[in-house]
C-alpha atoms as a PDB file:
ATOM      1  CA  MET A   1      54.739 124.227  84.624  1.00  0.00           C
ATOM      2  CA  ALA A   2      58.494 123.529  84.728  1.00  0.00           C
ATOM      3  CA  SER A   3      58.477 123.274  88.530  1.00  0.00           C
ATOM      4  CA  PHE A   4      55.541 120.874  88.305  1.00  0.00           C
ATOM      5  CA  GLY A   5      57.412 118.577  85.949  1.00  0.00           C
ATOM      6  CA  SER A   6      60.596 118.768  87.825  1.00  0.00           C
ATOM      7  CA  LYS A   7      58.878 117.231  90.865  1.00  0.00           C
ATOM      8  CA  MET A   8      57.310 114.346  88.945  1.00  0.00           C
ATOM      9  CA  LEU A   9      59.856 111.686  89.879  1.00  0.00           C
ATOM     10  CA  ASP A  10      59.260 112.431  93.592  1.00  0.00           C
ATOM     11  CA  ARG A  11      55.526 112.271  93.056  1.00  0.00           C
ATOM     12  CA  VAL A  12      55.705 108.926  91.205  1.00  0.00           C
ATOM     13  CA  ALA A  13      57.752 107.466  94.111  1.00  0.00           C
ATOM     14  CA  LYS A  14      55.319 108.695  96.662  1.00  0.00           C
ATOM     15  CA  VAL A  15      52.287 107.333  94.714  1.00  0.00           C
ATOM     16  CA  ALA A  16      54.066 104.039  94.215  1.00  0.00           C
ATOM     17  CA  ALA A  17      54.729 103.848  97.898  1.00  0.00           C
ATOM     18  CA  ILE A  18      51.147 104.590  98.793  1.00  0.00           C
ATOM     19  CA  LEU A  19      49.857 102.058  96.233  1.00  0.00           C
ATOM     20  CA  HIS A  20      52.289  99.482  97.594  1.00  0.00           C
ATOM     21  CA  LEU A  21      51.097 100.110 101.217  1.00  0.00           C
ATOM     22  CA  ALA A  22      47.506  99.865 100.168  1.00  0.00           C
ATOM     23  CA  ASP A  23      48.063  96.527  98.327  1.00  0.00           C
ATOM     24  CA  ALA A  24      50.465  94.961 100.672  1.00  0.00           C
ATOM     25  CA  GLU A  25      49.483  92.178 103.030  1.00  0.00           C
ATOM     26  CA  GLU A  26      52.838  92.521 104.775  1.00  0.00           C
ATOM     27  CA  LEU A  27      55.279  95.291 104.486  1.00  0.00           C
ATOM     28  CA  ASP A  28      58.359  94.270 102.485  1.00  0.00           C
ATOM     29  CA  GLY A  29      60.868  96.696 101.151  1.00  0.00           C
ATOM     30  CA  GLU A  30      60.350  96.093  97.427  1.00  0.00           C
ATOM     31  CA  ILE A  31      57.839  97.896  95.183  1.00  0.00           C
ATOM     32  CA  GLY A  32      56.952  95.724  92.112  1.00  0.00           C
ATOM     33  CA  ALA A  33      56.820  96.617  88.499  1.00  0.00           C
ATOM     34  CA  GLU A  34      53.034  96.474  88.412  1.00  0.00           C
ATOM     35  CA  THR A  35      52.768  98.921  91.239  1.00  0.00           C
ATOM     36  CA  MET A  36      55.257 101.268  89.475  1.00  0.00           C
ATOM     37  CA  ALA A  37      53.233 101.037  86.258  1.00  0.00           C
ATOM     38  CA  ARG A  38      50.146 102.057  88.139  1.00  0.00           C
ATOM     39  CA  ALA A  39      51.998 104.900  89.754  1.00  0.00           C
ATOM     40  CA  ILE A  40      53.190 106.150  86.401  1.00  0.00           C
ATOM     41  CA  CYS A  41      49.550 106.066  85.187  1.00  0.00           C
ATOM     42  CA  VAL A  42      48.565 108.208  88.010  1.00  0.00           C
ATOM     43  CA  ALA A  43      51.450 110.589  87.318  1.00  0.00           C
ATOM     44  CA  ARG A  44      50.398 110.979  83.760  1.00  0.00           C
ATOM     45  CA  TYR A  45      46.967 111.979  85.026  1.00  0.00           C
ATOM     46  CA  LEU A  46      48.574 114.477  87.373  1.00  0.00           C
ATOM     47  CA  LEU A  47      50.622 115.950  84.594  1.00  0.00           C
ATOM     48  CA  VAL A  48      47.657 116.512  82.293  1.00  0.00           C
ATOM     49  CA  HIS A  49      45.678 117.916  85.268  1.00  0.00           C
ATOM     50  CA  GLY A  50      48.687 120.258  86.034  1.00  0.00           C
ATOM     51  CA  GLN A  51      48.753 121.512  82.439  1.00  0.00           C
ATOM     52  CA  ILE A  52      45.017 122.160  82.414  1.00  0.00           C
ATOM     53  CA  ALA A  53      45.147 123.973  85.800  1.00  0.00           C
ATOM     54  CA  SER A  54      48.102 126.027  84.522  1.00  0.00           C
ATOM     55  CA  SER A  55      46.242 127.174  81.374  1.00  0.00           C
ATOM     56  CA  VAL A  56      43.200 128.188  83.450  1.00  0.00           C
ATOM     57  CA  MET A  57      45.372 130.143  85.768  1.00  0.00           C
ATOM     58  CA  ASP A  58      47.058 131.860  82.775  1.00  0.00           C
ATOM     59  CA  ALA A  59      43.598 132.664  81.383  1.00  0.00           C
ATOM     60  CA  ASP A  60      42.556 134.206  84.660  1.00  0.00           C
ATOM     61  CA  GLU A  61      45.768 136.254  84.736  1.00  0.00           C
ATOM     62  CA  GLY A  62      44.908 137.486  81.269  1.00  0.00           C
ATOM     63  CA  ARG A  63      41.499 138.623  82.340  1.00  0.00           C
ATOM     64  CA  ARG A  64      43.018 140.331  85.402  1.00  0.00           C
ATOM     65  CA  SER A  65      45.507 142.234  83.168  1.00  0.00           C
ATOM     66  CA  ALA A  66      42.797 143.230  80.782  1.00  0.00           C
ATOM     67  CA  ARG A  67      40.575 144.587  83.612  1.00  0.00           C
ATOM     68  CA  LYS A  68      43.526 146.521  85.087  1.00  0.00           C
ATOM     69  CA  LEU A  69      44.429 147.951  81.789  1.00  0.00           C
ATOM     70  CA  TRP A  70      40.745 148.939  81.097  1.00  0.00           C
ATOM     71  CA  ALA A  71      40.731 151.033  84.266  1.00  0.00           C
ATOM     72  CA  PHE A  72      43.720 152.982  82.953  1.00  0.00           C
ATOM     73  CA  VAL A  73      41.975 153.351  79.637  1.00  0.00           C
ATOM     74  CA  VAL A  74      38.747 154.701  81.126  1.00  0.00           C
ATOM     75  CA  LYS A  75      40.630 157.040  83.423  1.00  0.00           C
ATOM     76  CA  GLY A  76      43.026 158.370  80.772  1.00  0.00           C
ATOM     77  CA  ALA A  77      40.882 158.721  77.663  1.00  0.00           C
ATOM     78  CA  LYS A  78      39.916 162.190  76.549  1.00  0.00           C
ATOM     79  CA  TRP A  79      37.191 163.197  74.029  1.00  0.00           C
ATOM     80  CA  SER A  80      38.433 163.114  70.427  1.00  0.00           C
ATOM     81  CA  PRO A  81      36.212 165.240  68.103  1.00  0.00           C
ATOM     82  CA  GLU A  82      38.134 163.823  65.262  1.00  0.00           C
ATOM     83  CA  HIS A  83      37.126 160.280  66.033  1.00  0.00           C
ATOM     84  CA  GLY A  84      33.845 160.952  67.853  1.00  0.00           C
ATOM     85  CA  CYS A  85      34.749 159.015  70.911  1.00  0.00           C
ATOM     86  CA  TYR A  86      37.054 159.013  73.846  1.00  0.00           C
ATOM     87  CA  ALA A  87      40.623 158.015  72.836  1.00  0.00           C
ATOM     88  CA  LEU A  88      44.306 158.013  74.076  1.00  0.00           C
ATOM     89  CA  SER A  89      47.535 157.048  72.441  1.00  0.00           C
ATOM     90  CA  ARG A  90      49.162 153.725  73.326  1.00  0.00           C
ATOM     91  CA  SER A  91      52.218 155.714  74.584  1.00  0.00           C
ATOM     92  CA  GLU A  92      49.875 157.775  76.906  1.00  0.00           C
ATOM     93  CA  LEU A  93      48.299 154.558  78.144  1.00  0.00           C
ATOM     94  CA  ARG A  94      51.795 153.186  78.746  1.00  0.00           C
ATOM     95  CA  ALA A  95      52.772 156.301  80.773  1.00  0.00           C
ATOM     96  CA  ARG A  96      49.644 155.940  82.962  1.00  0.00           C
ATOM     97  CA  ALA A  97      50.055 152.174  83.482  1.00  0.00           C
ATOM     98  CA  LYS A  98      53.831 151.965  83.905  1.00  0.00           C
ATOM     99  CA  GLY A  99      53.579 151.109  87.573  1.00  0.00           C
ATOM    100  CA  THR A 100      51.437 148.078  86.857  1.00  0.00           C
ATOM    101  CA  PHE A 101      52.752 147.125  83.461  1.00  0.00           C
ATOM    102  CA  THR A 102      56.536 147.596  83.651  1.00  0.00           C
ATOM    103  CA  ARG A 103      57.342 146.663  80.013  1.00  0.00           C
ATOM    104  CA  VAL A 104      55.666 147.842  76.862  1.00  0.00           C
ATOM    105  CA  VAL A 105      55.212 144.282  75.604  1.00  0.00           C
ATOM    106  CA  GLU A 106      53.014 143.588  78.658  1.00  0.00           C
ATOM    107  CA  LEU A 107      50.351 145.803  77.141  1.00  0.00           C
ATOM    108  CA  THR A 108      49.969 143.785  73.978  1.00  0.00           C
ATOM    109  CA  ALA A 109      47.933 140.820  75.263  1.00  0.00           C
ATOM    110  CA  PRO A 110      45.484 142.912  77.405  1.00  0.00           C
ATOM    111  CA  LEU A 111      45.033 145.459  74.604  1.00  0.00           C
ATOM    112  CA  ASP A 112      44.303 142.586  72.130  1.00  0.00           C
ATOM    113  CA  SER A 113      41.866 141.116  74.531  1.00  0.00           C
ATOM    114  CA  LEU A 114      40.033 144.294  75.056  1.00  0.00           C
ATOM    115  CA  ALA A 115      39.876 144.833  71.307  1.00  0.00           C
ATOM    116  CA  GLU A 116      38.695 141.330  70.693  1.00  0.00           C
ATOM    117  CA  HIS A 117      35.860 141.754  73.200  1.00  0.00           C
ATOM    118  CA  GLY A 118      34.770 145.129  71.601  1.00  0.00           C
ATOM    119  CA  TYR A 119      35.788 147.486  74.367  1.00  0.00           C
ATOM    120  CA  ILE A 120      38.386 149.290  72.294  1.00  0.00           C
ATOM    121  CA  ALA A 121      39.633 149.670  68.841  1.00  0.00           C
ATOM    122  CA  LEU A 122      43.336 150.090  67.966  1.00  0.00           C
ATOM    123  CA  VAL A 123      43.817 152.497  65.145  1.00  0.00           C
ATOM    124  CA  GLU A 124      47.213 153.049  63.446  1.00  0.00           C
ATOM    125  CA  VAL A 125      48.065 156.731  62.956  1.00  0.00           C
ATOM    126  CA  ALA A 126      49.777 157.941  59.895  1.00  0.00           C
ATOM    127  CA  ASN A 127      53.272 159.165  60.485  1.00  0.00           C
ATOM    128  CA  GLU A 128      54.325 162.579  59.220  1.00  0.00           C
ATOM    129  CA  ALA A 129      57.528 162.701  57.282  1.00  0.00           C
ATOM    130  CA  GLY A 130      60.539 163.951  59.136  1.00  0.00           C
ATOM    131  CA  PRO A 131      62.591 163.170  62.130  1.00  0.00           C
ATOM    132  CA  GLY A 132      61.258 161.661  65.394  1.00  0.00           C
ATOM    133  CA  ARG A 133      59.838 158.473  66.559  1.00  0.00           C
ATOM    134  CA  PRO A 134      56.862 156.922  64.811  1.00  0.00           C
ATOM    135  CA  ARG A 135      53.485 157.699  66.324  1.00  0.00           C
ATOM    136  CA  THR A 136      51.951 154.964  68.387  1.00  0.00           C
ATOM    137  CA  PRO A 137      48.444 153.620  67.650  1.00  0.00           C
ATOM    138  CA  LEU A 138      45.357 155.216  69.152  1.00  0.00           C
ATOM    139  CA  VAL A 139      43.178 153.446  71.631  1.00  0.00           C
ATOM    140  CA  LEU A 140      39.583 154.320  70.791  1.00  0.00           C
ATOM    141  CA  VAL A 141      37.018 153.571  73.503  1.00  0.00           C
ATOM    142  CA  ASN A 142      33.717 152.045  72.597  1.00  0.00           C
ATOM    143  CA  PRO A 143      31.104 154.338  74.083  1.00  0.00           C
ATOM    144  CA  ASP A 144      28.817 151.448  74.800  1.00  0.00           C
ATOM    145  CA  ALA A 145      31.551 149.639  76.697  1.00  0.00           C
ATOM    146  CA  ALA A 146      32.825 152.608  78.738  1.00  0.00           C
ATOM    147  CA  THR A 147      30.760 151.638  81.801  1.00  0.00           C
ATOM    148  CA  GLY A 148      31.043 147.844  81.467  1.00  0.00           C
ATOM    149  CA  ASP A 149      33.243 145.219  83.114  1.00  0.00           C
ATOM    150  CA  PRO A 150      35.613 143.908  80.398  1.00  0.00           C
ATOM    151  CA  VAL A 151      36.438 140.311  79.521  1.00  0.00           C
ATOM    152  CA  ARG A 152      33.869 138.382  81.572  1.00  0.00           C
END
């Protein structure tokens, strides 16, 4: 969105020139205040349109990320008798998906989206006393969702 806004002055000038040419009976070199005001009005519309388009593209990227992560979940999950469904830890999922999701933080939004849509459940695991890293949450796969296409 920053690149869109940085080009706004150029766009206003171009729109003003087009409006000036469309209105002019003869071509003089000066663009009037009324024409500039109309160009700014068009630019405001373009800005709102750009913001909406950007949010739609971000939403689509979120869906793509969730679908990609879902493929890793389905391939990597193993039967967990303790939970009665397929499961894997978030760290196992991260290891499987590290070529696609290069940072751990990139897993958060797709995991939240999959959980929100009922494809998975994230379950915190109790940590045992003693040294070592804390255990990562488990990703439990909804058996009814295991064959579906997530986040439509």
